[in-house]
């Protein structure tokens, strides 16, 4: 049985498209798994294992959350995150009780990363709550 060149071309295009989508999602998962150093304040102790939420995968994004604790004051921790994440201080961070919240969004080629950081002042230092979303740009 002979397959026409047009059918082969379409079949190859579909297979290549699905391969590209699969590789993009694999890249997102690897990015989440290996990027603890991007969001972990130096010397902070992880209080929870990173939680990966894949239930949002059909909607086109992956969520990760993790909690850290450091003995440093929240002002020093805030300055580190402001520099590291290039936080726009013109958009004032939100204060809620003993906590301050701010967000950052970056686009990398075909991926958008959104990071929400909450710093809470505690007697033993600062508790850091990180929520990340990685999504394919549409």
Protein backbone atom coordinates (compact mmCIF):
# COMPACT_ATOMS: atom_id res chain seq x y z
CA UNK A 1 0.00 0.00 0.00
CA UNK A 2 1.43 3.30 -1.07
CA UNK A 3 0.90 6.45 1.03
CA UNK A 4 0.76 9.74 -0.80
CA UNK A 5 3.35 12.43 0.00
CA UNK A 6 0.59 14.82 1.15
CA UNK A 7 -0.67 12.33 3.75
CA UNK A 8 2.88 11.70 4.95
CA UNK A 9 3.50 15.45 5.25
CA UNK A 10 0.31 15.98 7.30
CA UNK A 11 1.05 12.97 9.51
CA UNK A 12 4.58 14.17 10.13
CA UNK A 13 3.33 17.69 10.96
CA UNK A 14 0.82 16.36 13.49
CA UNK A 15 3.38 14.09 15.12
CA UNK A 16 5.94 16.91 15.30
CA UNK A 17 3.33 19.25 16.83
CA UNK A 18 2.43 16.77 19.56
CA UNK A 19 6.10 16.14 20.23
CA UNK A 20 6.72 19.89 20.63
CA UNK A 21 3.79 20.24 23.06
CA UNK A 22 5.01 17.24 25.07
CA UNK A 23 8.54 18.60 25.25
CA UNK A 24 7.25 22.02 26.35
CA UNK A 25 5.28 20.46 29.23
CA UNK A 26 8.25 18.29 30.18
CA UNK A 27 10.37 21.45 30.24
CA UNK A 28 7.87 23.11 32.57
CA UNK A 29 7.98 20.16 34.96
CA UNK A 30 11.77 20.09 34.95
CA UNK A 31 11.87 23.87 35.55
CA UNK A 32 9.64 23.52 38.59
CA UNK A 33 11.58 20.58 39.98
CA UNK A 34 15.03 22.16 39.63
CA UNK A 35 14.38 25.80 40.40
CA UNK A 36 14.25 25.80 44.20
CA UNK A 37 17.30 28.07 44.21
CA UNK A 38 15.40 30.73 42.28
CA UNK A 39 12.88 31.28 45.07
CA UNK A 40 14.64 30.08 48.22
CA UNK A 41 16.08 32.79 50.42
CA UNK A 42 19.73 31.96 51.31
CA UNK A 43 19.92 29.95 54.51
CA UNK A 44 16.16 29.47 54.74
CA UNK A 45 14.91 26.10 55.93
CA UNK A 46 12.14 24.45 53.93
CA UNK A 47 9.13 23.80 56.17
CA UNK A 48 7.10 21.95 53.55
CA UNK A 49 8.00 19.85 50.56
CA UNK A 50 7.24 21.65 47.30
CA UNK A 51 3.67 20.88 46.33
CA UNK A 52 3.15 20.47 42.59
CA UNK A 53 -0.43 20.86 41.42
CA UNK A 54 -0.98 19.27 38.05
CA UNK A 55 -4.78 19.45 38.19
CA UNK A 56 -4.53 22.78 36.36
CA UNK A 57 -2.63 21.18 33.45
CA UNK A 58 -5.73 21.03 31.22
CA UNK A 59 -6.07 24.81 31.72
CA UNK A 60 -2.50 25.30 30.48
CA UNK A 61 -0.51 25.89 33.65
CA UNK A 62 1.21 24.17 36.58
CA UNK A 63 1.23 25.41 40.16
CA UNK A 64 3.85 24.98 42.88
CA UNK A 65 3.82 26.14 46.48
CA UNK A 66 6.37 25.86 49.27
CA UNK A 67 7.01 27.42 52.70
CA UNK A 68 10.41 28.43 54.14
CA UNK A 69 11.60 29.81 57.49
CA UNK A 70 14.61 32.03 58.11
CA UNK A 71 15.97 33.68 61.25
CA UNK A 72 16.47 36.96 59.33
CA UNK A 73 14.10 39.90 59.68
CA UNK A 74 11.45 40.40 57.02
CA UNK A 75 13.00 43.68 55.84
CA UNK A 76 16.24 41.95 54.83
CA UNK A 77 14.31 39.09 53.25
CA UNK A 78 12.10 41.57 51.38
CA UNK A 79 15.12 43.42 49.99
CA UNK A 80 16.60 40.13 48.74
CA UNK A 81 13.38 39.13 46.96
CA UNK A 82 12.91 42.67 45.59
CA UNK A 83 16.35 42.50 43.96
CA UNK A 84 16.12 38.86 42.92
CA UNK A 85 12.66 39.07 41.39
CA UNK A 86 13.00 42.68 40.23
CA UNK A 87 9.84 43.62 42.11
CA UNK A 88 8.24 46.82 40.85
CA UNK A 89 8.06 48.85 44.06
CA UNK A 90 5.83 51.42 42.34
CA UNK A 91 3.09 48.81 42.64
CA UNK A 92 3.07 48.90 46.40
CA UNK A 93 3.33 45.52 48.10
CA UNK A 94 0.21 44.68 50.09
CA UNK A 95 0.43 44.71 53.88
CA UNK A 96 -1.85 42.32 55.77
CA UNK A 97 -1.23 42.21 59.51
CA UNK A 98 2.33 41.01 60.10
CA UNK A 99 2.68 39.94 56.46
CA UNK A 100 3.61 41.62 53.19
CA UNK A 101 2.68 40.26 49.76
CA UNK A 102 4.07 40.98 46.31
CA UNK A 103 4.14 39.34 42.90
CA UNK A 104 6.38 39.13 39.85
CA UNK A 105 5.73 37.91 36.32
CA UNK A 106 8.36 37.04 33.70
CA UNK A 107 8.08 35.68 30.18
CA UNK A 108 10.76 33.31 28.85
CA UNK A 109 10.32 32.39 25.20
CA UNK A 110 7.11 30.35 25.41
CA UNK A 111 6.73 30.20 29.21
CA UNK A 112 5.22 32.76 31.60
CA UNK A 113 6.25 32.46 35.25
CA UNK A 114 4.25 34.22 37.95
CA UNK A 115 5.57 34.20 41.50
CA UNK A 116 3.63 35.34 44.54
CA UNK A 117 5.66 35.87 47.71
CA UNK A 118 4.24 36.41 51.20
CA UNK A 119 6.65 37.32 54.01
CA UNK A 120 5.37 37.07 57.58
CA UNK A 121 7.23 38.43 60.58
CA UNK A 122 7.49 35.86 63.38
CA UNK A 123 9.28 35.82 66.72
CA UNK A 124 11.80 33.35 65.28
CA UNK A 125 12.39 35.39 62.10
CA UNK A 126 10.46 35.37 58.83
CA UNK A 127 8.20 32.78 57.26
CA UNK A 128 8.24 32.83 53.45
CA UNK A 129 5.30 31.51 51.42
CA UNK A 130 5.96 31.01 47.70
CA UNK A 131 3.30 30.35 45.06
CA UNK A 132 4.44 29.87 41.47
CA UNK A 133 2.51 29.41 38.25
CA UNK A 134 4.19 28.30 35.03
CA UNK A 135 2.14 28.52 31.86
CA UNK A 136 2.67 28.20 28.16
CA UNK A 137 2.15 31.53 26.42
CA UNK A 138 -0.76 31.49 24.01
